Amino acid sequence: MLRREALEKAYDLDLDLYCVAPNAQPPVCKIMDYEKHRFEAQKKAKEAKKNQKVTEVKPLRLSPVIDTHDFDTKLKQATKWLETQKKVKIDMRFRGRLITRQEVGMKIMEEFIDALKEVGNVEKKPALEGRIMSCVIAPKKK
């Protein structure tokens, strides 16, 4: 009898019966204004999205046989990205027989990382995954 009276009262107040846990035994329901509940949930989600910060990762590809001018150009580009608070992912692709010269690629990668010490920190150390050696450098905190 109490349930029927509650439902009639909710109907008179123009409220909805909202099922909170439909799989529970017995199912759990709430009497509420569903439109107001949905509006507040959307407002909360929008506020959370506004406060979240998305970090962009910029890719950069090196080669084990890179020349000094190309190295400096890529270094300048990576420095610019790190100064604008973007992460840099450095990939080094070993093509053909170059896979046998991994130590040369590691040396170039270490030189690149050392040159970026002032503006960035290594987030992921250089590691070989198949034929590609990669690492991620994050900008230093201001």
N, C-alpha and C. Protein backbone atom coordinates (compact mmCIF):
# COMPACT_ATOMS: atom_id res chain seq x y z
N MET A 1 0.82 -1.20 0.00
CA MET A 1 0.00 0.00 0.00
C MET A 1 0.87 1.26 0.00
N LEU A 2 1.98 1.22 0.71
CA LEU A 2 2.88 2.37 0.81
C LEU A 2 3.48 2.70 -0.55
N ARG A 3 3.83 1.67 -1.32
CA ARG A 3 4.43 1.89 -2.64
C ARG A 3 3.46 2.60 -3.57
N ARG A 4 2.21 2.15 -3.56
CA ARG A 4 1.21 2.75 -4.44
C ARG A 4 1.00 4.22 -4.08
N GLU A 5 0.96 4.53 -2.79
CA GLU A 5 0.78 5.92 -2.36
C GLU A 5 1.98 6.78 -2.80
N ALA A 6 3.18 6.21 -2.68
CA ALA A 6 4.38 6.94 -3.09
C ALA A 6 4.36 7.20 -4.59
N LEU A 7 3.96 6.19 -5.37
CA LEU A 7 3.91 6.37 -6.82
C LEU A 7 2.85 7.40 -7.22
N GLU A 8 1.70 7.39 -6.54
CA GLU A 8 0.65 8.36 -6.83
C GLU A 8 1.11 9.77 -6.49
N LYS A 9 1.84 9.90 -5.36
CA LYS A 9 2.35 11.20 -4.95
C LYS A 9 3.38 11.70 -5.96
N ALA A 10 4.25 10.78 -6.42
CA ALA A 10 5.26 11.14 -7.42
C ALA A 10 4.58 11.57 -8.72
N TYR A 11 3.53 10.88 -9.10
CA TYR A 11 2.80 11.22 -10.32
C TYR A 11 2.17 12.60 -10.18
N ASP A 12 1.64 12.91 -9.00
CA ASP A 12 1.03 14.21 -8.76
C ASP A 12 2.08 15.32 -8.82
N LEU A 13 3.29 15.06 -8.35
CA LEU A 13 4.37 16.06 -8.35
C LEU A 13 5.12 16.11 -9.68
N ASP A 14 4.69 15.30 -10.66
CA ASP A 14 5.32 15.24 -11.98
C ASP A 14 6.78 14.78 -11.88
N LEU A 15 7.01 13.72 -11.10
CA LEU A 15 8.33 13.11 -10.97
C LEU A 15 8.36 11.79 -11.72
N ASP A 16 9.56 11.25 -11.91
CA ASP A 16 9.73 10.00 -12.66
C ASP A 16 10.26 8.92 -11.75
N LEU A 17 9.99 7.67 -12.15
CA LEU A 17 10.53 6.51 -11.46
C LEU A 17 11.78 6.08 -12.23
N TYR A 18 12.96 6.28 -11.64
CA TYR A 18 14.23 6.01 -12.30
C TYR A 18 14.85 4.76 -11.70
N CYS A 19 15.13 3.76 -12.55
CA CYS A 19 15.70 2.50 -12.10
C CYS A 19 17.21 2.65 -11.95
N VAL A 20 17.70 2.61 -10.71
CA VAL A 20 19.12 2.81 -10.41
C VAL A 20 19.90 1.52 -10.64
N ALA A 21 19.40 0.40 -10.15
CA ALA A 21 20.07 -0.90 -10.29
C ALA A 21 19.06 -1.93 -10.78
N PRO A 22 18.90 -2.04 -12.12
CA PRO A 22 17.88 -2.95 -12.63
C PRO A 22 18.22 -4.43 -12.45
N ASN A 23 19.48 -4.78 -12.29
CA ASN A 23 19.88 -6.19 -12.16
C ASN A 23 19.88 -6.69 -10.71
N ALA A 24 19.65 -5.80 -9.77
CA ALA A 24 19.65 -6.20 -8.36
C ALA A 24 18.36 -6.97 -8.06
N GLN A 25 18.40 -7.71 -6.97
CA GLN A 25 17.21 -8.46 -6.52
C GLN A 25 16.75 -7.90 -5.19
N PRO A 26 15.68 -7.27 -5.03
CA PRO A 26 14.77 -6.72 -6.05
C PRO A 26 15.38 -5.48 -6.71
N PRO A 27 14.91 -5.09 -7.90
CA PRO A 27 15.44 -3.90 -8.59
C PRO A 27 15.28 -2.65 -7.73
N VAL A 28 16.28 -1.77 -7.78
CA VAL A 28 16.27 -0.55 -6.96
C VAL A 28 15.88 0.62 -7.85
N CYS A 29 14.87 1.38 -7.42
CA CYS A 29 14.39 2.53 -8.17
C CYS A 29 14.35 3.76 -7.28
N LYS A 30 14.41 4.92 -7.92
CA LYS A 30 14.35 6.21 -7.22
C LYS A 30 13.24 7.04 -7.84
N ILE A 31 12.59 7.81 -7.01
CA ILE A 31 11.60 8.75 -7.51
C ILE A 31 12.31 10.10 -7.61
N MET A 32 12.43 10.60 -8.84
CA MET A 32 13.19 11.85 -9.04
C MET A 32 12.72 12.54 -10.31
N ASP A 33 13.17 13.78 -10.47
CA ASP A 33 12.94 14.52 -11.71
C ASP A 33 14.08 14.14 -12.66
N TYR A 34 13.78 13.26 -13.62
CA TYR A 34 14.83 12.70 -14.47
C TYR A 34 15.46 13.76 -15.37
N GLU A 35 14.69 14.70 -15.88
CA GLU A 35 15.24 15.75 -16.74
C GLU A 35 16.27 16.59 -15.99
N LYS A 36 15.96 16.91 -14.74
CA LYS A 36 16.90 17.70 -13.92
C LYS A 36 18.16 16.88 -13.64
N HIS A 37 18.00 15.58 -13.37
CA HIS A 37 19.13 14.68 -13.12
C HIS A 37 20.03 14.61 -14.36
N ARG A 38 19.42 14.46 -15.54
CA ARG A 38 20.19 14.36 -16.78
C ARG A 38 20.91 15.68 -17.08
N PHE A 39 20.26 16.81 -16.84
CA PHE A 39 20.86 18.12 -17.08
C PHE A 39 22.08 18.32 -16.18
N GLU A 40 21.95 17.96 -14.90
CA GLU A 40 23.08 18.11 -13.97
C GLU A 40 24.24 17.20 -14.33
N ALA A 41 23.94 15.97 -14.80
CA ALA A 41 25.00 15.04 -15.22
C ALA A 41 25.74 15.58 -16.44
N GLN A 42 25.00 16.15 -17.39
CA GLN A 42 25.64 16.73 -18.57
C GLN A 42 26.49 17.94 -18.19
N LYS A 43 26.00 18.74 -17.27
CA LYS A 43 26.73 19.92 -16.82
C LYS A 43 28.03 19.51 -16.12
N LYS A 44 27.98 18.46 -15.31
CA LYS A 44 29.16 17.95 -14.61
C LYS A 44 30.19 17.39 -15.60
N ALA A 45 29.70 16.67 -16.61
CA ALA A 45 30.60 16.10 -17.62
C ALA A 45 31.27 17.21 -18.44
N LYS A 46 30.52 18.24 -18.77
CA LYS A 46 31.07 19.37 -19.53
C LYS A 46 32.13 20.10 -18.71
N GLU A 47 31.88 20.28 -17.43
CA GLU A 47 32.85 20.94 -16.54
C GLU A 47 34.13 20.12 -16.40
N ALA A 48 33.98 18.80 -16.31
CA ALA A 48 35.16 17.92 -16.21
C ALA A 48 35.97 17.96 -17.49
N LYS A 49 35.29 18.01 -18.63
CA LYS A 49 35.98 18.08 -19.92
C LYS A 49 36.73 19.39 -20.07
N LYS A 50 36.18 20.46 -19.55
CA LYS A 50 36.80 21.77 -19.64
C LYS A 50 38.12 21.81 -18.85
N ASN A 51 38.16 21.10 -17.72
CA ASN A 51 39.34 21.13 -16.86
C ASN A 51 40.43 20.17 -17.29
N GLN A 52 40.14 19.26 -18.21
CA GLN A 52 41.15 18.27 -18.58
C GLN A 52 42.10 18.86 -19.62
N LYS A 53 43.35 18.44 -19.53
CA LYS A 53 44.39 18.96 -20.42
C LYS A 53 44.85 17.84 -21.34
N VAL A 54 44.80 18.10 -22.65
CA VAL A 54 45.21 17.12 -23.64
C VAL A 54 46.63 17.46 -24.09
N THR A 55 47.54 16.50 -23.97
CA THR A 55 48.91 16.70 -24.38
C THR A 55 49.10 16.14 -25.77
N GLU A 56 49.64 16.97 -26.64
CA GLU A 56 49.85 16.54 -28.02
C GLU A 56 51.23 15.92 -28.14
N VAL A 57 51.32 14.82 -28.89
CA VAL A 57 52.60 14.14 -29.12
C VAL A 57 52.98 14.34 -30.59
N LYS A 58 54.12 14.98 -30.81
CA LYS A 58 54.58 15.25 -32.17
C LYS A 58 55.61 14.20 -32.56
N PRO A 59 55.46 13.57 -33.73
CA PRO A 59 56.42 12.54 -34.16
C PRO A 59 57.61 13.15 -34.89
N LEU A 60 58.76 12.52 -34.73
CA LEU A 60 59.98 12.95 -35.39
C LEU A 60 60.74 11.70 -35.79
N ARG A 61 61.17 11.61 -37.04
CA ARG A 61 61.83 10.40 -37.52
C ARG A 61 63.30 10.68 -37.83
N LEU A 62 64.16 9.89 -37.24
CA LEU A 62 65.60 9.97 -37.48
C LEU A 62 66.04 8.74 -38.26
N SER A 63 67.27 8.79 -38.73
CA SER A 63 67.85 7.67 -39.44
C SER A 63 69.24 7.41 -38.87
N PRO A 64 69.72 6.17 -38.88
CA PRO A 64 71.06 5.90 -38.37
C PRO A 64 72.16 6.54 -39.22
N VAL A 65 71.85 6.92 -40.46
CA VAL A 65 72.83 7.54 -41.34
C VAL A 65 72.48 9.00 -41.59
N ILE A 66 72.04 9.71 -40.55
CA ILE A 66 71.62 11.11 -40.67
C ILE A 66 72.86 12.01 -40.73
N ASP A 67 72.76 13.08 -41.53
CA ASP A 67 73.85 14.03 -41.66
C ASP A 67 73.72 15.10 -40.58
N THR A 68 74.76 15.86 -40.32
CA THR A 68 74.77 16.84 -39.23
C THR A 68 73.74 17.95 -39.45
N HIS A 69 73.59 18.43 -40.69
CA HIS A 69 72.62 19.50 -40.94
C HIS A 69 71.19 19.01 -40.69
N ASP A 70 70.88 17.81 -41.16
CA ASP A 70 69.54 17.24 -40.92
C ASP A 70 69.32 17.03 -39.42
N PHE A 71 70.35 16.58 -38.73
CA PHE A 71 70.28 16.38 -37.28
C PHE A 71 69.96 17.70 -36.59
N ASP A 72 70.66 18.79 -36.98
CA ASP A 72 70.43 20.10 -36.36
C ASP A 72 69.03 20.63 -36.67
N THR A 73 68.56 20.40 -37.88
CA THR A 73 67.21 20.85 -38.25
C THR A 73 66.15 20.15 -37.42
N LYS A 74 66.28 18.85 -37.27
CA LYS A 74 65.31 18.08 -36.48
C LYS A 74 65.42 18.45 -35.00
N LEU A 75 66.63 18.74 -34.54
CA LEU A 75 66.84 19.16 -33.16
C LEU A 75 66.15 20.50 -32.89
N LYS A 76 66.26 21.42 -33.84
CA LYS A 76 65.62 22.73 -33.70
C LYS A 76 64.10 22.59 -33.66
N GLN A 77 63.56 21.70 -34.51
CA GLN A 77 62.11 21.48 -34.53
C GLN A 77 61.63 20.86 -33.22
N ALA A 78 62.37 19.89 -32.72
CA ALA A 78 62.00 19.25 -31.44
C ALA A 78 62.07 20.25 -30.29
N THR A 79 63.07 21.11 -30.30
CA THR A 79 63.20 22.13 -29.25
C THR A 79 62.00 23.08 -29.27
N LYS A 80 61.59 23.47 -30.47
CA LYS A 80 60.44 24.37 -30.61
C LYS A 80 59.17 23.71 -30.06
N TRP A 81 58.98 22.42 -30.38
CA TRP A 81 57.80 21.72 -29.89
C TRP A 81 57.82 21.57 -28.37
N LEU A 82 58.99 21.26 -27.80
CA LEU A 82 59.08 21.08 -26.35
C LEU A 82 58.85 22.40 -25.63
N GLU A 83 59.28 23.51 -26.22
CA GLU A 83 59.07 24.82 -25.59
C GLU A 83 57.60 25.21 -25.61
N THR A 84 56.82 24.67 -26.54
CA THR A 84 55.38 24.93 -26.56
C THR A 84 54.60 23.85 -25.81
N GLN A 85 55.29 23.12 -24.91
CA GLN A 85 54.69 22.12 -24.02
C GLN A 85 54.05 20.96 -24.77
N LYS A 86 54.68 20.49 -25.85
CA LYS A 86 54.23 19.31 -26.56
C LYS A 86 55.26 18.22 -26.38
N LYS A 87 54.80 16.97 -26.28
CA LYS A 87 55.73 15.84 -26.19
C LYS A 87 56.27 15.53 -27.58
N VAL A 88 57.47 14.94 -27.62
CA VAL A 88 58.09 14.57 -28.89
C VAL A 88 58.39 13.08 -28.86
N LYS A 89 57.92 12.36 -29.87
CA LYS A 89 58.22 10.93 -30.00
C LYS A 89 59.24 10.79 -31.11
N ILE A 90 60.41 10.28 -30.77
CA ILE A 90 61.48 10.13 -31.74
C ILE A 90 61.54 8.68 -32.18
N ASP A 91 61.42 8.47 -33.49
CA ASP A 91 61.51 7.13 -34.08
C ASP A 91 62.75 7.06 -34.95
N MET A 92 63.43 5.93 -34.86
CA MET A 92 64.56 5.67 -35.75
C MET A 92 64.29 4.35 -36.43
N ARG A 93 64.12 4.42 -37.75
CA ARG A 93 63.80 3.22 -38.53
C ARG A 93 65.08 2.63 -39.10
N PHE A 94 65.28 1.34 -38.84
CA PHE A 94 66.42 0.62 -39.38
C PHE A 94 65.94 -0.11 -40.64
N ARG A 95 66.46 0.30 -41.80
CA ARG A 95 66.03 -0.30 -43.06
C ARG A 95 67.14 -1.17 -43.63
N GLY A 96 66.74 -2.32 -44.12
CA GLY A 96 67.70 -3.22 -44.76
C GLY A 96 68.76 -3.72 -43.81
N ARG A 97 70.01 -3.57 -44.22
CA ARG A 97 71.13 -4.07 -43.42
C ARG A 97 71.45 -3.21 -42.21
N LEU A 98 70.85 -2.04 -42.11
CA LEU A 98 71.13 -1.15 -40.98
C LEU A 98 70.72 -1.75 -39.64
N ILE A 99 69.89 -2.77 -39.65
CA ILE A 99 69.45 -3.42 -38.41
C ILE A 99 70.63 -4.05 -37.68
N THR A 100 71.70 -4.35 -38.42
CA THR A 100 72.89 -4.93 -37.78
C THR A 100 73.72 -3.86 -37.08
N ARG A 101 73.43 -2.57 -37.33
CA ARG A 101 74.20 -1.47 -36.74
C ARG A 101 73.36 -0.70 -35.71
N GLN A 102 72.77 -1.44 -34.79
CA GLN A 102 71.92 -0.81 -33.79
C GLN A 102 72.69 0.11 -32.86
N GLU A 103 73.96 -0.19 -32.62
CA GLU A 103 74.76 0.65 -31.72
C GLU A 103 74.95 2.05 -32.31
N VAL A 104 75.03 2.17 -33.63
CA VAL A 104 75.14 3.49 -34.28
C VAL A 104 73.85 4.27 -34.06
N GLY A 105 72.71 3.60 -34.23
CA GLY A 105 71.42 4.25 -34.00
C GLY A 105 71.25 4.68 -32.56
N MET A 106 71.68 3.83 -31.62
CA MET A 106 71.58 4.18 -30.20
C MET A 106 72.46 5.39 -29.88
N LYS A 107 73.63 5.46 -30.50
CA LYS A 107 74.55 6.58 -30.25
C LYS A 107 73.92 7.89 -30.74
N ILE A 108 73.30 7.87 -31.92
CA ILE A 108 72.66 9.06 -32.46
C ILE A 108 71.47 9.46 -31.59
N MET A 109 70.72 8.47 -31.15
CA MET A 109 69.57 8.74 -30.28
C MET A 109 70.02 9.38 -28.97
N GLU A 110 71.11 8.87 -28.38
CA GLU A 110 71.64 9.43 -27.12
C GLU A 110 72.12 10.86 -27.34
N GLU A 111 72.78 11.14 -28.46
CA GLU A 111 73.22 12.50 -28.77
C GLU A 111 72.03 13.44 -28.86
N PHE A 112 70.95 12.98 -29.51
CA PHE A 112 69.74 13.78 -29.66
C PHE A 112 69.12 14.09 -28.30
N ILE A 113 69.07 13.07 -27.45
CA ILE A 113 68.50 13.25 -26.11
C ILE A 113 69.35 14.20 -25.28
N ASP A 114 70.68 14.06 -25.36
CA ASP A 114 71.58 14.96 -24.63
C ASP A 114 71.43 16.40 -25.08
N ALA A 115 71.20 16.61 -26.37
CA ALA A 115 71.04 17.96 -26.89
C ALA A 115 69.73 18.60 -26.42
N LEU A 116 68.75 17.78 -26.05
CA LEU A 116 67.45 18.30 -25.59
C LEU A 116 67.32 18.33 -24.07
N LYS A 117 68.43 18.10 -23.34
CA LYS A 117 68.38 18.04 -21.86
C LYS A 117 67.82 19.32 -21.24
N GLU A 118 68.12 20.49 -21.83
CA GLU A 118 67.70 21.76 -21.24
C GLU A 118 66.19 21.98 -21.31
N VAL A 119 65.56 21.44 -22.36
CA VAL A 119 64.13 21.73 -22.55
C VAL A 119 63.21 20.54 -22.29
N GLY A 120 63.77 19.32 -22.17
CA GLY A 120 62.91 18.16 -21.98
C GLY A 120 63.51 17.05 -21.16
N ASN A 121 62.65 16.18 -20.66
CA ASN A 121 63.05 15.00 -19.90
C ASN A 121 62.64 13.76 -20.67
N VAL A 122 63.44 12.70 -20.56
CA VAL A 122 63.11 11.45 -21.22
C VAL A 122 61.99 10.77 -20.44
N GLU A 123 60.86 10.56 -21.10
CA GLU A 123 59.73 9.90 -20.46
C GLU A 123 59.79 8.39 -20.71
N LYS A 124 60.23 8.01 -21.90
CA LYS A 124 60.38 6.60 -22.25
C LYS A 124 61.75 6.45 -22.90
N LYS A 125 62.59 5.64 -22.29
CA LYS A 125 63.95 5.45 -22.80
C LYS A 125 63.93 4.77 -24.17
N PRO A 126 64.99 4.97 -24.98
CA PRO A 126 65.03 4.34 -26.30
C PRO A 126 64.97 2.82 -26.21
N ALA A 127 64.07 2.23 -26.97
CA ALA A 127 63.91 0.78 -26.99
C ALA A 127 63.59 0.34 -28.41
N LEU A 128 64.12 -0.81 -28.78
CA LEU A 128 63.92 -1.34 -30.12
C LEU A 128 62.67 -2.21 -30.13
N GLU A 129 61.74 -1.86 -31.01
CA GLU A 129 60.50 -2.63 -31.18
C GLU A 129 60.43 -3.01 -32.65
N GLY A 130 60.83 -4.22 -32.96
CA GLY A 130 60.89 -4.65 -34.36
C GLY A 130 62.07 -3.97 -35.05
N ARG A 131 61.79 -3.20 -36.09
CA ARG A 131 62.84 -2.48 -36.81
C ARG A 131 62.87 -1.00 -36.45
N ILE A 132 62.08 -0.59 -35.46
CA ILE A 132 62.00 0.83 -35.08
C ILE A 132 62.44 1.01 -33.64
N MET A 133 63.40 1.90 -33.43
CA MET A 133 63.82 2.28 -32.08
C MET A 133 63.11 3.60 -31.77
N SER A 134 62.45 3.66 -30.63
CA SER A 134 61.72 4.87 -30.32
C SER A 134 61.89 5.27 -28.87
N CYS A 135 61.69 6.58 -28.62
CA CYS A 135 61.68 7.11 -27.25
C CYS A 135 60.76 8.32 -27.25
N VAL A 136 60.33 8.71 -26.05
CA VAL A 136 59.43 9.85 -25.89
C VAL A 136 60.08 10.85 -24.94
N ILE A 137 60.06 12.13 -25.35
CA ILE A 137 60.63 13.19 -24.53
C ILE A 137 59.50 14.14 -24.17
N ALA A 138 59.35 14.42 -22.89
CA ALA A 138 58.30 15.32 -22.40
C ALA A 138 58.93 16.66 -22.04
N PRO A 139 58.18 17.74 -22.16
CA PRO A 139 58.72 19.06 -21.81
C PRO A 139 58.96 19.18 -20.32
N LYS A 140 59.95 19.98 -19.95
CA LYS A 140 60.21 20.23 -18.53
C LYS A 140 59.11 21.11 -17.97
N LYS A 141 58.82 20.92 -16.69
CA LYS A 141 57.80 21.73 -16.03
C LYS A 141 58.33 23.15 -15.85
N LYS A 142 57.40 24.10 -16.00
CA LYS A 142 57.81 25.51 -15.85
C LYS A 142 57.85 25.91 -14.40
